[in-house]
Amino acid sequence: MAPLPGAALISLEVPEGLPRQLVPIAWLAGRWEGVGVIDAEEAGERQVGQEVDISVDQRGFMHHRSQVWLLDDEGRRTDPLDTEVGYWRASDTQSSPTEPGIDVELVLAHPTGTVELFVGRGTATRIDLTTDAVVRSPGGEEYRAGVRTYGQVEGDLLWVLDAAAGSEALRARISARLKRV
């Protein structure tokens, strides 16, 4: 069968023995590195570096670990900005079984005293997530809500976070283009 005119072929590696429920999000698995931009209200836009490691757990979820740091004018690491650890899950039961895609959850914890629960949908090589809950410790960062989008484009992992903190509205905070290493 010939591909549809204008349709892009998607090449995905699915590791042998991968738990069935992770197959739709298997493209996330791997070690990724790259650069992006952070927009901090007080400091403006700055270039950042990022490493992300997403690994499969045979119990039906994926481990997520990310580190972000500022880059100097020569692209060298300077100040660490954030670390997040968490878990990806694709649900066996679907909220919209007649719609394309799969329900996806992402739980992330930050050393700043914030834990986020994102829920959303994934289709092919794109996942759109919105915070269902944000929990902060008494000294935690003033963060109310977030929207994350992940996608695989030309083999790279692209992602963006829109966030609302304090009394400000949701706005673009950080984005990056990461290459598989």
C-alpha atoms as a PDB file:
ATOM      1  CA  MET A   1       0.000   0.000   0.000  1.00  0.00           C
ATOM      2  CA  ALA A   2       1.399   3.421  -0.941  1.00  0.00           C
ATOM      3  CA  PRO A   3       1.509   6.183   1.700  1.00  0.00           C
ATOM      4  CA  LEU A   4      -1.025   8.964   1.445  1.00  0.00           C
ATOM      5  CA  PRO A   5       0.206  12.001  -0.528  1.00  0.00           C
ATOM      6  CA  GLY A   6       1.872  14.450   1.858  1.00  0.00           C
ATOM      7  CA  ALA A   7       1.900  11.938   4.719  1.00  0.00           C
ATOM      8  CA  ALA A   8       5.099  11.625   6.719  1.00  0.00           C
ATOM      9  CA  LEU A   9       6.411   8.207   7.644  1.00  0.00           C
ATOM     10  CA  ILE A  10       7.101   7.832  11.347  1.00  0.00           C
ATOM     11  CA  SER A  11       9.955   5.535  12.289  1.00  0.00           C
ATOM     12  CA  LEU A  12       9.618   4.308  15.858  1.00  0.00           C
ATOM     13  CA  GLU A  13      11.676   1.768  17.739  1.00  0.00           C
ATOM     14  CA  VAL A  14       9.654  -0.415  20.106  1.00  0.00           C
ATOM     15  CA  PRO A  15      11.929  -2.375  22.437  1.00  0.00           C
ATOM     16  CA  GLU A  16      11.247  -6.100  22.666  1.00  0.00           C
ATOM     17  CA  GLY A  17       9.402  -6.996  25.871  1.00  0.00           C
ATOM     18  CA  LEU A  18       7.974  -3.499  26.309  1.00  0.00           C
ATOM     19  CA  PRO A  19       4.811  -3.587  28.464  1.00  0.00           C
ATOM     20  CA  ARG A  20       1.799  -3.352  26.130  1.00  0.00           C
ATOM     21  CA  GLN A  21       0.400  -0.180  27.683  1.00  0.00           C
ATOM     22  CA  LEU A  22       3.671   1.709  27.023  1.00  0.00           C
ATOM     23  CA  VAL A  23       3.817   1.016  23.277  1.00  0.00           C
ATOM     24  CA  PRO A  24       1.985   4.279  22.336  1.00  0.00           C
ATOM     25  CA  ILE A  25       4.509   6.395  24.301  1.00  0.00           C
ATOM     26  CA  ALA A  26       7.634   4.273  23.715  1.00  0.00           C
ATOM     27  CA  TRP A  27       9.089   7.007  21.473  1.00  0.00           C
ATOM     28  CA  LEU A  28       9.811   9.033  24.645  1.00  0.00           C
ATOM     29  CA  ALA A  29      12.172   6.408  26.065  1.00  0.00           C
ATOM     30  CA  GLY A  30      15.856   7.207  25.889  1.00  0.00           C
ATOM     31  CA  ARG A  31      18.485   9.704  26.898  1.00  0.00           C
ATOM     32  CA  TRP A  32      18.101  13.162  25.396  1.00  0.00           C
ATOM     33  CA  GLU A  33      20.279  16.310  25.468  1.00  0.00           C
ATOM     34  CA  GLY A  34      19.924  19.734  23.936  1.00  0.00           C
ATOM     35  CA  VAL A  35      19.316  23.425  24.325  1.00  0.00           C
ATOM     36  CA  GLY A  36      16.324  25.655  24.786  1.00  0.00           C
ATOM     37  CA  VAL A  37      15.079  28.957  26.097  1.00  0.00           C
ATOM     38  CA  ILE A  38      13.689  29.947  29.484  1.00  0.00           C
ATOM     39  CA  ASP A  39      11.651  33.119  29.930  1.00  0.00           C
ATOM     40  CA  ALA A  40      11.964  34.282  33.520  1.00  0.00           C
ATOM     41  CA  GLU A  41       9.947  37.437  34.117  1.00  0.00           C
ATOM     42  CA  GLU A  42      12.674  39.090  36.175  1.00  0.00           C
ATOM     43  CA  ALA A  43      15.651  38.069  33.966  1.00  0.00           C
ATOM     44  CA  GLY A  44      14.089  37.852  30.505  1.00  0.00           C
ATOM     45  CA  GLU A  45      14.907  35.134  27.972  1.00  0.00           C
ATOM     46  CA  ARG A  46      18.047  33.066  28.559  1.00  0.00           C
ATOM     47  CA  GLN A  47      19.538  30.026  26.867  1.00  0.00           C
ATOM     48  CA  VAL A  48      19.435  26.752  28.819  1.00  0.00           C
ATOM     49  CA  GLY A  49      20.830  23.257  28.466  1.00  0.00           C
ATOM     50  CA  GLN A  50      18.893  20.158  29.382  1.00  0.00           C
ATOM     51  CA  GLU A  51      19.416  16.434  29.886  1.00  0.00           C
ATOM     52  CA  VAL A  52      16.416  14.109  30.062  1.00  0.00           C
ATOM     53  CA  ASP A  53      16.501  10.386  30.766  1.00  0.00           C
ATOM     54  CA  ILE A  54      13.273   8.418  30.315  1.00  0.00           C
ATOM     55  CA  SER A  55      13.589   4.702  31.013  1.00  0.00           C
ATOM     56  CA  VAL A  56      11.121   1.826  30.851  1.00  0.00           C
ATOM     57  CA  ASP A  57      10.094  -0.057  33.988  1.00  0.00           C
ATOM     58  CA  GLN A  58       8.661  -3.515  33.283  1.00  0.00           C
ATOM     59  CA  ARG A  59       5.873  -2.826  35.788  1.00  0.00           C
ATOM     60  CA  GLY A  60       4.140  -0.659  33.160  1.00  0.00           C
ATOM     61  CA  PHE A  61       5.498   2.862  33.602  1.00  0.00           C
ATOM     62  CA  MET A  62       8.531   4.937  32.622  1.00  0.00           C
ATOM     63  CA  HIS A  63      10.946   6.771  34.930  1.00  0.00           C
ATOM     64  CA  HIS A  64      11.574  10.452  34.104  1.00  0.00           C
ATOM     65  CA  ARG A  65      14.607  12.478  35.219  1.00  0.00           C
ATOM     66  CA  SER A  66      15.488  15.929  33.897  1.00  0.00           C
ATOM     67  CA  GLN A  67      18.113  18.533  34.701  1.00  0.00           C
ATOM     68  CA  VAL A  68      18.157  22.109  33.369  1.00  0.00           C
ATOM     69  CA  TRP A  69      20.943  24.665  33.755  1.00  0.00           C
ATOM     70  CA  LEU A  70      21.761  28.105  32.369  1.00  0.00           C
ATOM     71  CA  LEU A  71      24.271  28.345  29.535  1.00  0.00           C
ATOM     72  CA  ASP A  72      26.810  31.135  29.119  1.00  0.00           C
ATOM     73  CA  ASP A  73      27.437  32.956  25.824  1.00  0.00           C
ATOM     74  CA  GLU A  74      29.744  30.137  24.682  1.00  0.00           C
ATOM     75  CA  GLY A  75      27.149  27.450  25.459  1.00  0.00           C
ATOM     76  CA  ARG A  76      28.870  26.187  28.627  1.00  0.00           C
ATOM     77  CA  ARG A  77      26.879  25.122  31.708  1.00  0.00           C
ATOM     78  CA  THR A  78      26.691  27.661  34.493  1.00  0.00           C
ATOM     79  CA  ASP A  79      23.959  27.757  37.139  1.00  0.00           C
ATOM     80  CA  PRO A  80      21.672  24.737  37.710  1.00  0.00           C
ATOM     81  CA  LEU A  81      18.015  25.775  37.385  1.00  0.00           C
ATOM     82  CA  ASP A  82      15.808  22.760  37.968  1.00  0.00           C
ATOM     83  CA  THR A  83      15.748  19.039  38.480  1.00  0.00           C
ATOM     84  CA  GLU A  84      12.597  16.987  38.149  1.00  0.00           C
ATOM     85  CA  VAL A  85      11.964  13.320  38.728  1.00  0.00           C
ATOM     86  CA  GLY A  86       8.797  11.406  38.061  1.00  0.00           C
ATOM     87  CA  TYR A  87       6.843   8.820  36.144  1.00  0.00           C
ATOM     88  CA  TRP A  88       4.998   8.461  32.833  1.00  0.00           C
ATOM     89  CA  ARG A  89       1.976   6.164  32.497  1.00  0.00           C
ATOM     90  CA  ALA A  90      -0.364   5.348  29.632  1.00  0.00           C
ATOM     91  CA  SER A  91      -3.774   4.280  30.852  1.00  0.00           C
ATOM     92  CA  ASP A  92      -5.362   0.947  29.939  1.00  0.00           C
ATOM     93  CA  THR A  93      -8.815   2.540  30.242  1.00  0.00           C
ATOM     94  CA  GLN A  94      -9.494   5.512  28.025  1.00  0.00           C
ATOM     95  CA  SER A  95     -11.581   8.604  28.767  1.00  0.00           C
ATOM     96  CA  SER A  96     -12.433   9.016  25.050  1.00  0.00           C
ATOM     97  CA  PRO A  97     -12.255   5.528  23.508  1.00  0.00           C
ATOM     98  CA  THR A  98     -13.819   6.685  20.222  1.00  0.00           C
ATOM     99  CA  GLU A  99     -11.268   9.498  19.769  1.00  0.00           C
ATOM    100  CA  PRO A 100      -7.754   8.943  18.415  1.00  0.00           C
ATOM    101  CA  GLY A 101      -4.989   8.686  20.974  1.00  0.00           C
ATOM    102  CA  ILE A 102      -4.411   7.407  24.456  1.00  0.00           C
ATOM    103  CA  ASP A 103      -4.746   8.859  27.967  1.00  0.00           C
ATOM    104  CA  VAL A 104      -1.341   9.750  29.424  1.00  0.00           C
ATOM    105  CA  GLU A 105      -0.274  10.773  32.937  1.00  0.00           C
ATOM    106  CA  LEU A 106       2.956  12.413  34.085  1.00  0.00           C
ATOM    107  CA  VAL A 107       3.801  12.900  37.772  1.00  0.00           C
ATOM    108  CA  LEU A 108       6.783  15.184  38.520  1.00  0.00           C
ATOM    109  CA  ALA A 109       8.464  16.229  41.773  1.00  0.00           C
ATOM    110  CA  HIS A 110      10.837  19.199  42.071  1.00  0.00           C
ATOM    111  CA  PRO A 111      13.352  20.008  44.838  1.00  0.00           C
ATOM    112  CA  THR A 112      11.658  23.427  45.150  1.00  0.00           C
ATOM    113  CA  GLY A 113       8.802  21.771  47.055  1.00  0.00           C
ATOM    114  CA  THR A 114       6.400  21.314  44.152  1.00  0.00           C
ATOM    115  CA  VAL A 115       4.713  18.163  42.845  1.00  0.00           C
ATOM    116  CA  GLU A 116       2.694  18.203  39.609  1.00  0.00           C
ATOM    117  CA  LEU A 117       0.190  15.712  38.210  1.00  0.00           C
ATOM    118  CA  PHE A 118      -0.315  16.202  34.468  1.00  0.00           C
ATOM    119  CA  VAL A 119      -3.029  14.388  32.496  1.00  0.00           C
ATOM    120  CA  GLY A 120      -3.746  14.487  28.797  1.00  0.00           C
ATOM    121  CA  ARG A 121      -3.758  12.669  25.485  1.00  0.00           C
ATOM    122  CA  GLY A 122      -1.099  11.310  23.214  1.00  0.00           C
ATOM    123  CA  THR A 123      -1.451  10.696  19.493  1.00  0.00           C
ATOM    124  CA  ALA A 124       1.345   9.246  17.317  1.00  0.00           C
ATOM    125  CA  THR A 125       4.373  11.317  18.386  1.00  0.00           C
ATOM    126  CA  ARG A 126       2.666  14.147  20.286  1.00  0.00           C
ATOM    127  CA  ILE A 127       1.463  14.381  23.891  1.00  0.00           C
ATOM    128  CA  ASP A 128      -0.565  17.308  25.286  1.00  0.00           C
ATOM    129  CA  LEU A 129      -0.799  17.512  29.082  1.00  0.00           C
ATOM    130  CA  THR A 130      -2.468  19.850  31.590  1.00  0.00           C
ATOM    131  CA  THR A 131      -1.998  19.930  35.338  1.00  0.00           C
ATOM    132  CA  ASP A 132      -4.758  18.130  37.187  1.00  0.00           C
ATOM    133  CA  ALA A 133      -3.132  18.969  40.525  1.00  0.00           C
ATOM    134  CA  VAL A 134      -0.242  21.061  41.825  1.00  0.00           C
ATOM    135  CA  VAL A 135       0.891  20.496  45.416  1.00  0.00           C
ATOM    136  CA  ARG A 136       3.330  22.875  47.117  1.00  0.00           C
ATOM    137  CA  SER A 137       5.145  22.659  50.411  1.00  0.00           C
ATOM    138  CA  PRO A 138       4.805  25.748  52.683  1.00  0.00           C
ATOM    139  CA  GLY A 139       8.067  27.116  51.251  1.00  0.00           C
ATOM    140  CA  GLY A 140       7.362  25.884  47.724  1.00  0.00           C
ATOM    141  CA  GLU A 141       7.446  27.926  44.585  1.00  0.00           C
ATOM    142  CA  GLU A 142       4.319  29.998  43.765  1.00  0.00           C
ATOM    143  CA  TYR A 143       3.103  27.817  40.914  1.00  0.00           C
ATOM    144  CA  ARG A 144      -0.577  27.240  40.135  1.00  0.00           C
ATOM    145  CA  ALA A 145      -0.945  25.462  36.801  1.00  0.00           C
ATOM    146  CA  GLY A 146       0.922  24.192  33.773  1.00  0.00           C
ATOM    147  CA  VAL A 147       0.487  22.904  30.252  1.00  0.00           C
ATOM    148  CA  ARG A 148       3.179  20.740  28.653  1.00  0.00           C
ATOM    149  CA  THR A 149       3.471  19.553  25.070  1.00  0.00           C
ATOM    150  CA  TYR A 150       5.954  16.896  23.980  1.00  0.00           C
ATOM    151  CA  GLY A 151       6.566  15.859  20.391  1.00  0.00           C
ATOM    152  CA  GLN A 152       9.028  14.008  18.238  1.00  0.00           C
ATOM    153  CA  VAL A 153      10.033  15.993  15.159  1.00  0.00           C
ATOM    154  CA  GLU A 154      12.747  14.831  12.747  1.00  0.00           C
ATOM    155  CA  GLY A 155      13.895  12.358  15.421  1.00  0.00           C
ATOM    156  CA  ASP A 156      14.325  15.076  18.072  1.00  0.00           C
ATOM    157  CA  LEU A 157      12.302  15.494  21.259  1.00  0.00           C
ATOM    158  CA  LEU A 158      10.696  18.939  21.423  1.00  0.00           C
ATOM    159  CA  TRP A 159       8.825  20.149  24.475  1.00  0.00           C
ATOM    160  CA  VAL A 160       7.342  23.332  25.884  1.00  0.00           C
ATOM    161  CA  LEU A 161       5.941  24.337  29.290  1.00  0.00           C
ATOM    162  CA  ASP A 162       3.380  27.099  29.742  1.00  0.00           C
ATOM    163  CA  ALA A 163       2.968  27.919  33.432  1.00  0.00           C
ATOM    164  CA  ALA A 164       0.969  30.192  35.735  1.00  0.00           C
ATOM    165  CA  ALA A 165       2.614  31.398  38.931  1.00  0.00           C
ATOM    166  CA  GLY A 166       1.333  33.762  41.600  1.00  0.00           C
ATOM    167  CA  SER A 167      -1.313  36.019  40.089  1.00  0.00           C
ATOM    168  CA  GLU A 168      -0.033  35.921  36.513  1.00  0.00           C
ATOM    169  CA  ALA A 169      -1.780  34.114  33.674  1.00  0.00           C
ATOM    170  CA  LEU A 170      -0.531  31.013  31.906  1.00  0.00           C
ATOM    171  CA  ARG A 171       2.425  31.917  29.654  1.00  0.00           C
ATOM    172  CA  ALA A 172       5.342  30.223  27.870  1.00  0.00           C
ATOM    173  CA  ARG A 173       8.148  29.553  30.380  1.00  0.00           C
ATOM    174  CA  ILE A 174      10.588  27.060  28.889  1.00  0.00           C
ATOM    175  CA  SER A 175      11.067  25.076  25.703  1.00  0.00           C
ATOM    176  CA  ALA A 176      13.828  22.883  24.314  1.00  0.00           C
ATOM    177  CA  ARG A 177      14.871  20.750  21.365  1.00  0.00           C
ATOM    178  CA  LEU A 178      16.679  17.612  22.502  1.00  0.00           C
ATOM    179  CA  LYS A 179      18.615  15.028  20.521  1.00  0.00           C
ATOM    180  CA  ARG A 180      18.805  11.334  21.397  1.00  0.00           C
ATOM    181  CA  VAL A 181      22.256  10.459  22.746  1.00  0.00           C
END
